[in-house]
Amino acid sequence: MLKTILFIGIGGAIGSILRYLTSVMVTKYWANQFPLATFITNVLGCFVIGLFIGLLEKNNLANGSLKWFLITGFCGGYTTFSTFGFENYSLFQSNNSILAFGYIAMSVLLGIFAVWLGLFVSK
């Protein structure tokens, strides 16, 4: 278990640093109200988690330490939106479209509400 936590922590640190660098690079060249850095991070994270899962499954490595490092650690540190995207993709693939749409709607609406509530409570 400690080894797994270490892999996740190292991957998460690398992902978090890369997220920061993505934000720095995008905001250096983009000055607008649209949150392009977050948008790019989320879309890129979704692509990367798909790529990693595909490659790990293709090479029979989906149950090892590399999975914890790349998926939970790196992708989780870069953006949890990638996990959200993959979970919804999996729901659609298993013919659970109603559940997927419910998950999407509830995550977005409750997420925005939770931000508002946190800000309200903190005042």
C-alpha atoms as a PDB file:
ATOM      1  CA  MET A   1       0.000   0.000   0.000  1.00  0.00           C
ATOM      2  CA  LEU A   2       2.806   2.442   0.829  1.00  0.00           C
ATOM      3  CA  LYS A   3       4.397   1.785  -2.572  1.00  0.00           C
ATOM      4  CA  THR A   4       1.088   2.556  -4.295  1.00  0.00           C
ATOM      5  CA  ILE A   5       0.701   5.797  -2.334  1.00  0.00           C
ATOM      6  CA  LEU A   6       4.225   6.771  -3.326  1.00  0.00           C
ATOM      7  CA  PHE A   7       3.516   6.155  -7.032  1.00  0.00           C
ATOM      8  CA  ILE A   8       0.294   8.178  -6.802  1.00  0.00           C
ATOM      9  CA  GLY A   9       2.031  11.012  -4.923  1.00  0.00           C
ATOM     10  CA  ILE A  10       4.911  11.315  -7.373  1.00  0.00           C
ATOM     11  CA  GLY A  11       2.572  11.159 -10.371  1.00  0.00           C
ATOM     12  CA  GLY A  12       0.256  13.695  -8.748  1.00  0.00           C
ATOM     13  CA  ALA A  13       3.107  16.092  -8.068  1.00  0.00           C
ATOM     14  CA  ILE A  14       4.249  15.909 -11.693  1.00  0.00           C
ATOM     15  CA  GLY A  15       0.673  16.367 -12.941  1.00  0.00           C
ATOM     16  CA  SER A  16       0.092  19.359 -10.657  1.00  0.00           C
ATOM     17  CA  ILE A  17       3.297  21.038 -11.802  1.00  0.00           C
ATOM     18  CA  LEU A  18       2.378  20.438 -15.445  1.00  0.00           C
ATOM     19  CA  ARG A  19      -1.087  21.898 -14.805  1.00  0.00           C
ATOM     20  CA  TYR A  20       0.535  25.038 -13.382  1.00  0.00           C
ATOM     21  CA  LEU A  21       2.930  25.291 -16.341  1.00  0.00           C
ATOM     22  CA  THR A  22       0.034  24.840 -18.785  1.00  0.00           C
ATOM     23  CA  SER A  23      -1.772  27.703 -17.071  1.00  0.00           C
ATOM     24  CA  VAL A  24       1.324  29.929 -17.150  1.00  0.00           C
ATOM     25  CA  MET A  25       1.938  29.272 -20.845  1.00  0.00           C
ATOM     26  CA  VAL A  26      -1.671  29.788 -21.913  1.00  0.00           C
ATOM     27  CA  THR A  27      -2.204  32.972 -19.892  1.00  0.00           C
ATOM     28  CA  LYS A  28       1.068  34.347 -21.260  1.00  0.00           C
ATOM     29  CA  TYR A  29      -0.441  34.309 -24.770  1.00  0.00           C
ATOM     30  CA  TRP A  30      -4.170  34.576 -24.023  1.00  0.00           C
ATOM     31  CA  ALA A  31      -5.731  37.496 -22.184  1.00  0.00           C
ATOM     32  CA  ASN A  32      -9.473  37.028 -22.278  1.00  0.00           C
ATOM     33  CA  GLN A  33     -12.378  36.283 -19.952  1.00  0.00           C
ATOM     34  CA  PHE A  34     -12.794  32.736 -21.277  1.00  0.00           C
ATOM     35  CA  PRO A  35     -10.863  30.342 -18.979  1.00  0.00           C
ATOM     36  CA  LEU A  36      -8.805  28.868 -21.814  1.00  0.00           C
ATOM     37  CA  ALA A  37      -6.075  27.426 -19.573  1.00  0.00           C
ATOM     38  CA  THR A  38      -8.579  25.342 -17.616  1.00  0.00           C
ATOM     39  CA  PHE A  39     -10.377  24.345 -20.811  1.00  0.00           C
ATOM     40  CA  ILE A  40      -7.137  23.194 -22.453  1.00  0.00           C
ATOM     41  CA  THR A  41      -6.085  21.373 -19.282  1.00  0.00           C
ATOM     42  CA  ASN A  42      -9.416  19.538 -19.074  1.00  0.00           C
ATOM     43  CA  VAL A  43      -9.518  18.517 -22.737  1.00  0.00           C
ATOM     44  CA  LEU A  44      -5.840  17.573 -22.804  1.00  0.00           C
ATOM     45  CA  GLY A  45      -6.280  15.606 -19.567  1.00  0.00           C
ATOM     46  CA  CYS A  46      -9.182  13.675 -21.101  1.00  0.00           C
ATOM     47  CA  PHE A  47      -7.062  12.835 -24.143  1.00  0.00           C
ATOM     48  CA  VAL A  48      -4.124  11.760 -21.975  1.00  0.00           C
ATOM     49  CA  ILE A  49      -6.198   9.526 -19.672  1.00  0.00           C
ATOM     50  CA  GLY A  50      -7.721   7.852 -22.735  1.00  0.00           C
ATOM     51  CA  LEU A  51      -4.282   7.392 -24.259  1.00  0.00           C
ATOM     52  CA  PHE A  52      -2.788   6.002 -21.031  1.00  0.00           C
ATOM     53  CA  ILE A  53      -5.680   3.612 -20.353  1.00  0.00           C
ATOM     54  CA  GLY A  54      -5.617   2.395 -23.941  1.00  0.00           C
ATOM     55  CA  LEU A  55      -1.862   1.815 -23.904  1.00  0.00           C
ATOM     56  CA  LEU A  56      -1.923   0.144 -20.482  1.00  0.00           C
ATOM     57  CA  GLU A  57      -4.733  -2.207 -21.540  1.00  0.00           C
ATOM     58  CA  LYS A  58      -3.070  -2.927 -24.895  1.00  0.00           C
ATOM     59  CA  ASN A  59       0.138  -3.931 -23.116  1.00  0.00           C
ATOM     60  CA  ASN A  60      -1.568  -5.793 -20.230  1.00  0.00           C
ATOM     61  CA  LEU A  61      -0.336  -3.256 -17.664  1.00  0.00           C
ATOM     62  CA  ALA A  62      -3.740  -2.010 -16.467  1.00  0.00           C
ATOM     63  CA  ASN A  63      -3.398  -3.508 -12.975  1.00  0.00           C
ATOM     64  CA  GLY A  64       0.106  -2.451 -12.010  1.00  0.00           C
ATOM     65  CA  SER A  65       2.005   0.379 -10.410  1.00  0.00           C
ATOM     66  CA  LEU A  66       2.216   2.224 -13.727  1.00  0.00           C
ATOM     67  CA  LYS A  67      -1.580   2.593 -13.662  1.00  0.00           C
ATOM     68  CA  TRP A  68      -1.482   4.186 -10.208  1.00  0.00           C
ATOM     69  CA  PHE A  69       1.341   6.506 -11.296  1.00  0.00           C
ATOM     70  CA  LEU A  70      -0.159   7.584 -14.643  1.00  0.00           C
ATOM     71  CA  ILE A  71      -3.931   7.470 -14.118  1.00  0.00           C
ATOM     72  CA  THR A  72      -4.583   8.198 -10.442  1.00  0.00           C
ATOM     73  CA  GLY A  73      -1.397  10.191  -9.847  1.00  0.00           C
ATOM     74  CA  PHE A  74      -0.451  12.092 -12.983  1.00  0.00           C
ATOM     75  CA  CYS A  75      -3.918  12.517 -14.516  1.00  0.00           C
ATOM     76  CA  GLY A  76      -5.476  13.177 -11.112  1.00  0.00           C
ATOM     77  CA  GLY A  77      -2.857  15.825 -10.384  1.00  0.00           C
ATOM     78  CA  TYR A  78      -3.244  17.366 -13.825  1.00  0.00           C
ATOM     79  CA  THR A  79      -7.050  17.383 -13.819  1.00  0.00           C
ATOM     80  CA  THR A  80      -9.777  15.282 -12.230  1.00  0.00           C
ATOM     81  CA  PHE A  81     -11.919  16.242 -15.201  1.00  0.00           C
ATOM     82  CA  SER A  82     -10.138  13.492 -17.125  1.00  0.00           C
ATOM     83  CA  THR A  83     -11.491  10.917 -14.672  1.00  0.00           C
ATOM     84  CA  PHE A  84     -14.937  12.485 -14.962  1.00  0.00           C
ATOM     85  CA  GLY A  85     -14.693  12.211 -18.754  1.00  0.00           C
ATOM     86  CA  PHE A  86     -13.579   8.587 -18.647  1.00  0.00           C
ATOM     87  CA  GLU A  87     -16.280   7.603 -16.156  1.00  0.00           C
ATOM     88  CA  ASN A  88     -18.942   9.111 -18.388  1.00  0.00           C
ATOM     89  CA  TYR A  89     -17.465   7.445 -21.457  1.00  0.00           C
ATOM     90  CA  SER A  90     -17.629   4.115 -19.593  1.00  0.00           C
ATOM     91  CA  LEU A  91     -21.249   4.744 -18.606  1.00  0.00           C
ATOM     92  CA  PHE A  92     -22.184   5.473 -22.225  1.00  0.00           C
ATOM     93  CA  GLN A  93     -20.269   2.392 -23.433  1.00  0.00           C
ATOM     94  CA  SER A  94     -22.189   0.181 -20.988  1.00  0.00           C
ATOM     95  CA  ASN A  95     -25.526   1.601 -22.213  1.00  0.00           C
ATOM     96  CA  ASN A  96     -26.118   3.650 -19.074  1.00  0.00           C
ATOM     97  CA  SER A  97     -26.842   6.897 -20.919  1.00  0.00           C
ATOM     98  CA  ILE A  98     -29.454   8.114 -18.438  1.00  0.00           C
ATOM     99  CA  LEU A  99     -27.036   7.551 -15.566  1.00  0.00           C
ATOM    100  CA  ALA A 100     -24.275   9.329 -17.507  1.00  0.00           C
ATOM    101  CA  PHE A 101     -26.433  12.367 -18.240  1.00  0.00           C
ATOM    102  CA  GLY A 102     -27.579  12.424 -14.612  1.00  0.00           C
ATOM    103  CA  TYR A 103     -23.974  12.255 -13.434  1.00  0.00           C
ATOM    104  CA  ILE A 104     -22.977  15.077 -15.786  1.00  0.00           C
ATOM    105  CA  ALA A 105     -25.884  17.324 -14.811  1.00  0.00           C
ATOM    106  CA  MET A 106     -25.572  16.674 -11.074  1.00  0.00           C
ATOM    107  CA  SER A 107     -21.796  17.145 -11.097  1.00  0.00           C
ATOM    108  CA  VAL A 108     -21.976  20.461 -12.900  1.00  0.00           C
ATOM    109  CA  LEU A 109     -24.982  21.866 -11.064  1.00  0.00           C
ATOM    110  CA  LEU A 110     -24.034  20.640  -7.589  1.00  0.00           C
ATOM    111  CA  GLY A 111     -20.398  21.608  -8.208  1.00  0.00           C
ATOM    112  CA  ILE A 112     -21.355  25.192  -8.996  1.00  0.00           C
ATOM    113  CA  PHE A 113     -23.761  25.239  -6.043  1.00  0.00           C
ATOM    114  CA  ALA A 114     -21.052  23.858  -3.732  1.00  0.00           C
ATOM    115  CA  VAL A 115     -18.665  26.641  -4.797  1.00  0.00           C
ATOM    116  CA  TRP A 116     -21.356  29.218  -4.069  1.00  0.00           C
ATOM    117  CA  LEU A 117     -22.155  27.569  -0.718  1.00  0.00           C
ATOM    118  CA  GLY A 118     -18.490  27.458   0.272  1.00  0.00           C
ATOM    119  CA  LEU A 119     -18.089  31.136  -0.558  1.00  0.00           C
ATOM    120  CA  PHE A 120     -21.309  31.977   1.287  1.00  0.00           C
ATOM    121  CA  VAL A 121     -20.311  30.053   4.414  1.00  0.00           C
ATOM    122  CA  SER A 122     -16.839  31.597   4.431  1.00  0.00           C
ATOM    123  CA  LYS A 123     -18.197  35.174   4.560  1.00  0.00           C
END
